[in-house]
Amino acid sequence: MNINQYLESIGHRFGKDDSSEHTFRGDLEGLITTLTEGVELTNEPKNVSGSGSKPDYVVKRGEIPIGFIEAKDIGKDLNHKNYKEQFERYRKQFDNLIITDYIWFQFFQKGKLVHEIRIASIVNNQIKPIESNFPKFENLIINFCTFISQSIKSPKELAKMMAVKARLLQKD
């Protein structure tokens, strides 16, 4: 699924009475797995790292989580105060995070906003592609899916990293 097909698909269902943020999840998964190689997305993963946090997706290479995605309904203001507590918690907990409304993407690394991009806008209740942003968006998604969060510089850092990984592997 390329970006135009993705936007056409979500645009078809956008604004219908029975659509919600969950309606578009398969489309986003299809887009990301098409744009990248060797990644797998899990929609609605179990509790992540024993913290009570459950982002909408975990992105993995093999068995290793490399990123997380939280999605809100199309057109929602991602900077709205209603999301502040949840997004702050996710930014602190996840080194590689996307927060999106399916057309507006915010990329965070180690808690800091590093990029944001819109691949479409809403005009007269319709999704209108912003094609000039497609190449940059593709590069951002590829970069997100190849992110390496840590380099080990000491035994103490290794111990901390392994403790986090152990919590990720722990069964609920």
N, C-alpha and C. Protein backbone atom coordinates (compact mmCIF):
# COMPACT_ATOMS: atom_id res chain seq x y z
N MET A 1 0.85 -1.17 0.00
CA MET A 1 0.00 0.00 0.00
C MET A 1 0.90 1.24 0.00
N ASN A 2 0.80 2.06 -1.02
CA ASN A 2 1.57 3.30 -1.03
C ASN A 2 0.79 4.41 -0.31
N ILE A 3 1.38 5.57 -0.19
CA ILE A 3 0.77 6.64 0.60
C ILE A 3 -0.55 7.08 -0.02
N ASN A 4 -0.61 7.21 -1.33
CA ASN A 4 -1.87 7.60 -1.97
C ASN A 4 -2.97 6.58 -1.71
N GLN A 5 -2.64 5.29 -1.82
CA GLN A 5 -3.63 4.24 -1.54
C GLN A 5 -4.08 4.29 -0.08
N TYR A 6 -3.14 4.52 0.81
CA TYR A 6 -3.44 4.64 2.23
C TYR A 6 -4.44 5.78 2.47
N LEU A 7 -4.13 6.95 1.91
CA LEU A 7 -5.01 8.11 2.11
C LEU A 7 -6.37 7.90 1.46
N GLU A 8 -6.39 7.25 0.32
CA GLU A 8 -7.66 6.95 -0.33
C GLU A 8 -8.50 6.02 0.55
N SER A 9 -7.85 5.03 1.13
CA SER A 9 -8.55 4.06 1.97
C SER A 9 -9.12 4.71 3.23
N ILE A 10 -8.28 5.49 3.93
CA ILE A 10 -8.81 6.12 5.15
C ILE A 10 -9.81 7.22 4.80
N GLY A 11 -9.59 7.88 3.67
CA GLY A 11 -10.52 8.94 3.24
C GLY A 11 -11.90 8.40 2.93
N HIS A 12 -11.96 7.18 2.44
CA HIS A 12 -13.24 6.54 2.11
C HIS A 12 -14.10 6.36 3.36
N ARG A 13 -13.45 6.03 4.48
CA ARG A 13 -14.20 5.76 5.72
C ARG A 13 -14.26 6.96 6.66
N PHE A 14 -13.44 7.98 6.41
CA PHE A 14 -13.39 9.15 7.29
C PHE A 14 -14.73 9.88 7.31
N GLY A 15 -15.15 10.25 8.48
CA GLY A 15 -16.37 11.03 8.63
C GLY A 15 -17.66 10.24 8.65
N LYS A 16 -17.57 8.93 8.48
CA LYS A 16 -18.78 8.11 8.57
C LYS A 16 -19.16 7.95 10.03
N ASP A 17 -20.44 7.80 10.28
CA ASP A 17 -20.93 7.73 11.65
C ASP A 17 -20.35 6.58 12.45
N ASP A 18 -19.96 5.51 11.78
CA ASP A 18 -19.48 4.34 12.51
C ASP A 18 -17.95 4.23 12.55
N SER A 19 -17.22 5.26 12.14
CA SER A 19 -15.76 5.18 12.17
C SER A 19 -15.22 5.74 13.49
N SER A 20 -14.08 5.18 13.90
CA SER A 20 -13.39 5.63 15.11
C SER A 20 -11.90 5.53 14.85
N GLU A 21 -11.08 5.85 15.84
CA GLU A 21 -9.63 5.75 15.65
C GLU A 21 -9.21 4.32 15.32
N HIS A 22 -9.97 3.33 15.74
CA HIS A 22 -9.65 1.93 15.46
C HIS A 22 -9.90 1.55 13.99
N THR A 23 -10.78 2.28 13.34
CA THR A 23 -11.16 1.98 11.96
C THR A 23 -9.97 1.98 11.01
N PHE A 24 -8.98 2.81 11.29
CA PHE A 24 -7.89 3.06 10.35
C PHE A 24 -6.60 2.31 10.69
N ARG A 25 -6.62 1.51 11.74
CA ARG A 25 -5.39 0.86 12.21
C ARG A 25 -4.81 -0.12 11.19
N GLY A 26 -5.64 -0.89 10.54
CA GLY A 26 -5.14 -1.83 9.53
C GLY A 26 -4.46 -1.10 8.38
N ASP A 27 -5.01 0.05 8.02
CA ASP A 27 -4.42 0.85 6.94
C ASP A 27 -3.02 1.33 7.33
N LEU A 28 -2.88 1.83 8.56
CA LEU A 28 -1.58 2.31 9.01
C LEU A 28 -0.57 1.16 9.06
N GLU A 29 -1.00 0.03 9.56
CA GLU A 29 -0.11 -1.13 9.60
C GLU A 29 0.34 -1.52 8.19
N GLY A 30 -0.60 -1.54 7.24
CA GLY A 30 -0.28 -1.87 5.86
C GLY A 30 0.70 -0.88 5.25
N LEU A 31 0.51 0.39 5.54
CA LEU A 31 1.40 1.42 5.01
C LEU A 31 2.82 1.24 5.54
N ILE A 32 2.95 1.08 6.84
CA ILE A 32 4.28 0.99 7.44
C ILE A 32 5.01 -0.27 6.99
N THR A 33 4.31 -1.39 6.92
CA THR A 33 4.97 -2.62 6.50
C THR A 33 5.31 -2.60 5.01
N THR A 34 4.62 -1.79 4.23
CA THR A 34 4.95 -1.64 2.81
C THR A 34 6.18 -0.74 2.65
N LEU A 35 6.27 0.32 3.44
CA LEU A 35 7.36 1.27 3.31
C LEU A 35 8.67 0.76 3.89
N THR A 36 8.61 -0.23 4.75
CA THR A 36 9.81 -0.73 5.42
C THR A 36 9.93 -2.24 5.21
N GLU A 37 11.10 -2.75 5.44
CA GLU A 37 11.32 -4.20 5.32
C GLU A 37 11.66 -4.77 6.69
N GLY A 38 11.12 -5.95 6.95
CA GLY A 38 11.52 -6.69 8.13
C GLY A 38 10.93 -6.24 9.44
N VAL A 39 9.89 -5.41 9.39
CA VAL A 39 9.25 -5.02 10.65
C VAL A 39 7.87 -5.64 10.74
N GLU A 40 7.44 -5.80 11.95
CA GLU A 40 6.11 -6.34 12.22
C GLU A 40 5.45 -5.44 13.25
N LEU A 41 4.18 -5.13 13.04
CA LEU A 41 3.43 -4.32 13.99
C LEU A 41 2.44 -5.20 14.72
N THR A 42 2.34 -4.99 16.02
CA THR A 42 1.32 -5.66 16.82
C THR A 42 0.35 -4.59 17.29
N ASN A 43 -0.89 -4.74 16.88
CA ASN A 43 -1.96 -3.82 17.27
C ASN A 43 -2.47 -4.24 18.65
N GLU A 44 -2.63 -3.29 19.54
CA GLU A 44 -3.10 -3.54 20.91
C GLU A 44 -2.22 -4.57 21.62
N PRO A 45 -0.91 -4.26 21.77
CA PRO A 45 -0.04 -5.19 22.47
C PRO A 45 -0.41 -5.28 23.95
N LYS A 46 0.06 -6.33 24.59
CA LYS A 46 -0.12 -6.45 26.03
C LYS A 46 0.57 -5.29 26.72
N ASN A 47 0.32 -5.17 28.00
CA ASN A 47 0.97 -4.18 28.83
C ASN A 47 2.47 -4.16 28.53
N VAL A 48 2.99 -3.00 28.16
CA VAL A 48 4.38 -2.88 27.75
C VAL A 48 5.27 -2.59 28.96
N SER A 49 6.26 -3.40 29.15
CA SER A 49 7.29 -3.29 30.19
C SER A 49 6.72 -3.23 31.60
N GLY A 50 5.58 -3.84 31.82
CA GLY A 50 5.02 -3.93 33.16
C GLY A 50 4.61 -2.61 33.77
N SER A 51 4.41 -1.59 32.95
CA SER A 51 4.17 -0.26 33.48
C SER A 51 2.71 0.16 33.47
N GLY A 52 1.87 -0.62 32.84
CA GLY A 52 0.48 -0.20 32.67
C GLY A 52 0.26 0.56 31.38
N SER A 53 1.33 0.87 30.65
CA SER A 53 1.21 1.59 29.38
C SER A 53 0.89 0.63 28.26
N LYS A 54 -0.07 1.02 27.43
CA LYS A 54 -0.46 0.20 26.29
C LYS A 54 -0.62 1.08 25.06
N PRO A 55 0.51 1.41 24.40
CA PRO A 55 0.37 2.15 23.14
C PRO A 55 -0.37 1.28 22.13
N ASP A 56 -0.89 1.90 21.09
CA ASP A 56 -1.72 1.18 20.12
C ASP A 56 -0.93 0.13 19.34
N TYR A 57 0.34 0.40 19.07
CA TYR A 57 1.17 -0.54 18.32
C TYR A 57 2.53 -0.67 18.98
N VAL A 58 3.10 -1.85 18.87
CA VAL A 58 4.52 -2.05 19.10
C VAL A 58 5.09 -2.47 17.75
N VAL A 59 6.21 -1.87 17.37
CA VAL A 59 6.88 -2.18 16.12
C VAL A 59 8.11 -3.01 16.48
N LYS A 60 8.24 -4.17 15.84
CA LYS A 60 9.33 -5.09 16.17
C LYS A 60 10.12 -5.47 14.93
N ARG A 61 11.38 -5.75 15.16
CA ARG A 61 12.25 -6.44 14.21
C ARG A 61 12.56 -7.77 14.86
N GLY A 62 12.00 -8.82 14.31
CA GLY A 62 12.10 -10.12 14.98
C GLY A 62 11.32 -10.04 16.28
N GLU A 63 11.98 -10.35 17.36
CA GLU A 63 11.34 -10.28 18.68
C GLU A 63 11.68 -9.01 19.43
N ILE A 64 12.45 -8.12 18.81
CA ILE A 64 12.94 -6.93 19.51
C ILE A 64 12.07 -5.72 19.21
N PRO A 65 11.45 -5.14 20.24
CA PRO A 65 10.68 -3.90 20.03
C PRO A 65 11.63 -2.76 19.66
N ILE A 66 11.30 -2.07 18.57
CA ILE A 66 12.14 -0.95 18.13
C ILE A 66 11.41 0.38 18.18
N GLY A 67 10.08 0.34 18.34
CA GLY A 67 9.32 1.58 18.39
C GLY A 67 7.88 1.32 18.80
N PHE A 68 7.20 2.42 19.10
CA PHE A 68 5.82 2.36 19.55
C PHE A 68 5.03 3.45 18.85
N ILE A 69 3.74 3.18 18.63
CA ILE A 69 2.88 4.15 17.96
C ILE A 69 1.60 4.30 18.76
N GLU A 70 1.21 5.55 18.99
CA GLU A 70 -0.08 5.87 19.61
C GLU A 70 -0.89 6.66 18.59
N ALA A 71 -2.10 6.19 18.30
CA ALA A 71 -2.94 6.83 17.28
C ALA A 71 -4.23 7.35 17.90
N LYS A 72 -4.60 8.52 17.49
CA LYS A 72 -5.88 9.13 17.85
C LYS A 72 -6.71 9.27 16.57
N ASP A 73 -7.96 9.58 16.72
CA ASP A 73 -8.85 9.69 15.56
C ASP A 73 -8.40 10.82 14.63
N ILE A 74 -8.69 10.66 13.37
CA ILE A 74 -8.31 11.66 12.36
C ILE A 74 -8.89 13.02 12.73
N GLY A 75 -8.03 14.02 12.65
CA GLY A 75 -8.45 15.39 12.92
C GLY A 75 -8.33 15.82 14.36
N LYS A 76 -7.95 14.91 15.25
CA LYS A 76 -7.77 15.27 16.66
C LYS A 76 -6.51 16.10 16.81
N ASP A 77 -6.55 17.07 17.71
CA ASP A 77 -5.39 17.91 17.99
C ASP A 77 -4.45 17.14 18.91
N LEU A 78 -3.33 16.71 18.39
CA LEU A 78 -2.39 15.91 19.16
C LEU A 78 -1.75 16.69 20.30
N ASN A 79 -1.86 18.00 20.27
CA ASN A 79 -1.29 18.83 21.34
C ASN A 79 -2.36 19.24 22.36
N HIS A 80 -3.55 18.68 22.26
CA HIS A 80 -4.64 19.04 23.16
C HIS A 80 -4.34 18.60 24.59
N LYS A 81 -4.78 19.39 25.53
CA LYS A 81 -4.49 19.10 26.95
C LYS A 81 -5.08 17.76 27.41
N ASN A 82 -6.11 17.26 26.74
CA ASN A 82 -6.69 15.97 27.13
C ASN A 82 -5.71 14.81 26.97
N TYR A 83 -4.73 14.97 26.09
CA TYR A 83 -3.76 13.90 25.84
C TYR A 83 -2.44 14.13 26.57
N LYS A 84 -2.29 15.26 27.23
CA LYS A 84 -1.00 15.66 27.78
C LYS A 84 -0.40 14.61 28.72
N GLU A 85 -1.14 14.14 29.68
CA GLU A 85 -0.61 13.19 30.67
C GLU A 85 -0.19 11.88 30.00
N GLN A 86 -1.05 11.36 29.14
CA GLN A 86 -0.76 10.09 28.46
C GLN A 86 0.48 10.24 27.57
N PHE A 87 0.54 11.29 26.78
CA PHE A 87 1.66 11.46 25.85
C PHE A 87 2.97 11.74 26.59
N GLU A 88 2.93 12.49 27.69
CA GLU A 88 4.14 12.72 28.47
C GLU A 88 4.67 11.41 29.04
N ARG A 89 3.77 10.58 29.53
CA ARG A 89 4.16 9.27 30.06
C ARG A 89 4.81 8.43 28.96
N TYR A 90 4.21 8.40 27.79
CA TYR A 90 4.75 7.62 26.68
C TYR A 90 6.10 8.16 26.22
N ARG A 91 6.24 9.48 26.16
CA ARG A 91 7.51 10.07 25.72
C ARG A 91 8.64 9.72 26.70
N LYS A 92 8.32 9.66 27.99
CA LYS A 92 9.33 9.30 28.98
C LYS A 92 9.68 7.82 28.91
N GLN A 93 8.71 7.00 28.63
CA GLN A 93 8.90 5.56 28.68
C GLN A 93 9.48 4.97 27.41
N PHE A 94 9.14 5.52 26.25
CA PHE A 94 9.52 4.91 24.98
C PHE A 94 10.52 5.79 24.22
N ASP A 95 11.70 5.23 23.93
CA ASP A 95 12.76 5.98 23.25
C ASP A 95 12.42 6.33 21.81
N ASN A 96 11.55 5.55 21.19
CA ASN A 96 11.22 5.74 19.77
C ASN A 96 9.70 5.65 19.64
N LEU A 97 9.07 6.77 19.40
CA LEU A 97 7.61 6.88 19.49
C LEU A 97 7.06 7.74 18.37
N ILE A 98 5.95 7.29 17.80
CA ILE A 98 5.16 8.12 16.89
C ILE A 98 3.81 8.35 17.55
N ILE A 99 3.37 9.59 17.53
CA ILE A 99 2.01 9.95 17.93
C ILE A 99 1.35 10.50 16.66
N THR A 100 0.17 9.98 16.34
CA THR A 100 -0.44 10.34 15.05
C THR A 100 -1.95 10.40 15.14
N ASP A 101 -2.53 11.13 14.21
CA ASP A 101 -3.97 11.07 13.96
C ASP A 101 -4.21 10.47 12.57
N TYR A 102 -3.24 9.73 12.09
CA TYR A 102 -3.24 9.02 10.80
C TYR A 102 -2.86 9.91 9.61
N ILE A 103 -2.92 11.23 9.76
CA ILE A 103 -2.47 12.12 8.68
C ILE A 103 -1.41 13.11 9.18
N TRP A 104 -1.34 13.29 10.48
CA TRP A 104 -0.35 14.16 11.13
C TRP A 104 0.50 13.25 12.01
N PHE A 105 1.80 13.27 11.80
CA PHE A 105 2.70 12.36 12.51
C PHE A 105 3.74 13.15 13.29
N GLN A 106 3.85 12.85 14.58
CA GLN A 106 4.88 13.44 15.43
C GLN A 106 5.85 12.32 15.80
N PHE A 107 7.14 12.55 15.55
CA PHE A 107 8.19 11.55 15.81
C PHE A 107 9.00 12.01 17.02
N PHE A 108 9.08 11.14 18.03
CA PHE A 108 9.82 11.44 19.25
C PHE A 108 10.95 10.42 19.41
N GLN A 109 12.11 10.93 19.79
CA GLN A 109 13.22 10.06 20.15
C GLN A 109 13.75 10.52 21.49
N LYS A 110 13.81 9.55 22.41
CA LYS A 110 14.28 9.81 23.77
C LYS A 110 13.54 10.99 24.39
N GLY A 111 12.23 11.04 24.15
CA GLY A 111 11.36 12.03 24.78
C GLY A 111 11.26 13.37 24.07
N LYS A 112 12.06 13.58 23.05
CA LYS A 112 12.09 14.87 22.36
C LYS A 112 11.43 14.76 20.99
N LEU A 113 10.63 15.77 20.65
CA LEU A 113 10.05 15.86 19.31
C LEU A 113 11.17 16.14 18.32
N VAL A 114 11.39 15.21 17.38
CA VAL A 114 12.47 15.39 16.41
C VAL A 114 11.94 15.75 15.02
N HIS A 115 10.70 15.36 14.71
CA HIS A 115 10.09 15.71 13.43
C HIS A 115 8.57 15.67 13.59
N GLU A 116 7.93 16.46 12.80
CA GLU A 116 6.48 16.29 12.63
C GLU A 116 6.15 16.64 11.21
N ILE A 117 5.15 15.92 10.69
CA ILE A 117 4.81 16.09 9.28
C ILE A 117 3.35 15.73 9.08
N ARG A 118 2.73 16.43 8.15
CA ARG A 118 1.37 16.11 7.73
C ARG A 118 1.42 15.59 6.30
N ILE A 119 0.77 14.46 6.08
CA ILE A 119 0.73 13.91 4.72
C ILE A 119 -0.60 14.20 4.04
N ALA A 120 -1.52 14.79 4.80
CA ALA A 120 -2.82 15.19 4.25
C ALA A 120 -3.41 16.24 5.16
N SER A 121 -4.43 16.89 4.64
CA SER A 121 -5.20 17.84 5.45
C SER A 121 -6.68 17.52 5.26
N ILE A 122 -7.48 18.09 6.13
CA ILE A 122 -8.92 17.90 6.03
C ILE A 122 -9.51 19.18 5.44
N VAL A 123 -10.13 19.04 4.28
CA VAL A 123 -10.76 20.17 3.60
C VAL A 123 -12.19 19.75 3.25
N ASN A 124 -13.17 20.52 3.76
CA ASN A 124 -14.58 20.20 3.52
C ASN A 124 -14.90 18.74 3.87
N ASN A 125 -14.39 18.32 5.02
CA ASN A 125 -14.63 16.97 5.55
C ASN A 125 -14.09 15.86 4.63
N GLN A 126 -13.06 16.19 3.86
CA GLN A 126 -12.41 15.20 3.00
C GLN A 126 -10.90 15.24 3.23
N ILE A 127 -10.28 14.08 3.06
CA ILE A 127 -8.83 13.96 3.20
C ILE A 127 -8.18 14.39 1.89
N LYS A 128 -7.33 15.42 1.96
CA LYS A 128 -6.63 15.93 0.78
C LYS A 128 -5.13 15.69 0.95
N PRO A 129 -4.53 14.88 0.08
CA PRO A 129 -3.09 14.57 0.18
C PRO A 129 -2.22 15.82 0.06
N ILE A 130 -1.11 15.80 0.78
CA ILE A 130 -0.06 16.81 0.64
C ILE A 130 1.13 16.06 0.05
N GLU A 131 1.09 15.86 -1.26
CA GLU A 131 2.04 14.99 -1.95
C GLU A 131 3.49 15.46 -1.82
N SER A 132 3.69 16.76 -1.66
CA SER A 132 5.06 17.25 -1.52
C SER A 132 5.73 16.73 -0.25
N ASN A 133 4.94 16.26 0.73
CA ASN A 133 5.50 15.73 1.97
C ASN A 133 5.74 14.21 1.93
N PHE A 134 5.32 13.54 0.88
CA PHE A 134 5.42 12.08 0.82
C PHE A 134 6.87 11.58 0.90
N PRO A 135 7.81 12.13 0.12
CA PRO A 135 9.19 11.61 0.20
C PRO A 135 9.80 11.74 1.60
N LYS A 136 9.59 12.89 2.23
CA LYS A 136 10.14 13.08 3.59
C LYS A 136 9.46 12.12 4.56
N PHE A 137 8.17 11.95 4.44
CA PHE A 137 7.45 11.03 5.32
C PHE A 137 8.00 9.60 5.18
N GLU A 138 8.20 9.16 3.96
CA GLU A 138 8.75 7.82 3.74
C GLU A 138 10.10 7.67 4.44
N ASN A 139 10.95 8.67 4.31
CA ASN A 139 12.26 8.63 4.97
C ASN A 139 12.12 8.62 6.49
N LEU A 140 11.18 9.38 7.03
CA LEU A 140 10.97 9.40 8.47
C LEU A 140 10.50 8.04 8.99
N ILE A 141 9.62 7.39 8.24
CA ILE A 141 9.13 6.06 8.65
C ILE A 141 10.28 5.05 8.59
N ILE A 142 11.07 5.09 7.54
CA ILE A 142 12.22 4.18 7.44
C ILE A 142 13.19 4.43 8.59
N ASN A 143 13.46 5.69 8.89
CA ASN A 143 14.35 6.03 10.00
C ASN A 143 13.77 5.53 11.33
N PHE A 144 12.47 5.71 11.53
CA PHE A 144 11.80 5.23 12.74
C PHE A 144 12.00 3.73 12.90
N CYS A 145 11.88 3.00 11.82
CA CYS A 145 11.95 1.54 11.86
C CYS A 145 13.38 1.00 11.89
N THR A 146 14.38 1.87 11.83
CA THR A 146 15.77 1.44 11.94
C THR A 146 16.44 2.09 13.15
N PHE A 147 15.68 2.73 14.00
CA PHE A 147 16.20 3.42 15.18
C PHE A 147 16.90 2.44 16.12
N ILE A 148 18.08 2.80 16.57
CA ILE A 148 18.78 2.05 17.61
C ILE A 148 18.83 2.96 18.81
N SER A 149 18.18 2.53 19.88
CA SER A 149 17.96 3.44 20.99
C SER A 149 19.15 3.63 21.91
N GLN A 150 20.04 2.66 22.01
CA GLN A 150 21.06 2.78 23.03
C GLN A 150 22.40 2.25 22.55
N SER A 151 23.43 2.89 23.00
CA SER A 151 24.76 2.31 22.88
C SER A 151 25.26 2.10 24.30
N ILE A 152 25.92 1.01 24.51
CA ILE A 152 26.34 0.62 25.85
C ILE A 152 27.74 1.15 26.10
N LYS A 153 27.88 1.93 27.18
CA LYS A 153 29.17 2.54 27.49
C LYS A 153 29.73 2.08 28.82
N SER A 154 28.93 1.36 29.60
CA SER A 154 29.42 0.90 30.89
C SER A 154 28.64 -0.32 31.34
N PRO A 155 29.18 -1.09 32.28
CA PRO A 155 28.44 -2.24 32.82
C PRO A 155 27.12 -1.83 33.47
N LYS A 156 27.12 -0.67 34.10
CA LYS A 156 25.90 -0.19 34.76
C LYS A 156 24.81 0.08 33.72
N GLU A 157 25.17 0.71 32.59
CA GLU A 157 24.19 0.95 31.52
C GLU A 157 23.67 -0.36 30.94
N LEU A 158 24.56 -1.34 30.78
CA LEU A 158 24.15 -2.65 30.30
C LEU A 158 23.15 -3.29 31.26
N ALA A 159 23.42 -3.21 32.54
CA ALA A 159 22.52 -3.79 33.54
C ALA A 159 21.15 -3.13 33.48
N LYS A 160 21.12 -1.81 33.36
CA LYS A 160 19.84 -1.09 33.28
C LYS A 160 19.08 -1.50 32.02
N MET A 161 19.78 -1.56 30.88
CA MET A 161 19.15 -1.92 29.62
C MET A 161 18.60 -3.35 29.70
N MET A 162 19.36 -4.26 30.27
CA MET A 162 18.90 -5.65 30.37
C MET A 162 17.70 -5.76 31.31
N ALA A 163 17.65 -4.95 32.35
CA ALA A 163 16.49 -4.97 33.25
C ALA A 163 15.23 -4.53 32.51
N VAL A 164 15.36 -3.51 31.67
CA VAL A 164 14.21 -3.05 30.87
C VAL A 164 13.78 -4.16 29.92
N LYS A 165 14.75 -4.79 29.24
CA LYS A 165 14.42 -5.87 28.31
C LYS A 165 13.76 -7.04 29.04
N ALA A 166 14.22 -7.34 30.24
CA ALA A 166 13.62 -8.43 31.01
C ALA A 166 12.17 -8.13 31.33
N ARG A 167 11.87 -6.88 31.66
CA ARG A 167 10.48 -6.49 31.93
C ARG A 167 9.63 -6.62 30.67
N LEU A 168 10.21 -6.30 29.51
CA LEU A 168 9.48 -6.44 28.26
C LEU A 168 9.13 -7.89 27.97
N LEU A 169 10.04 -8.79 28.33
CA LEU A 169 9.83 -10.20 28.07
C LEU A 169 8.94 -10.89 29.10
N GLN A 170 8.80 -10.25 30.24
CA GLN A 170 8.01 -10.81 31.33
C GLN A 170 6.56 -10.99 30.89
N LYS A 171 5.99 -12.10 31.22
CA LYS A 171 4.60 -12.36 30.84
C LYS A 171 3.68 -11.71 31.86
N ASP A 172 2.53 -11.23 31.37
CA ASP A 172 1.54 -10.61 32.26
C ASP A 172 0.85 -11.67 33.09
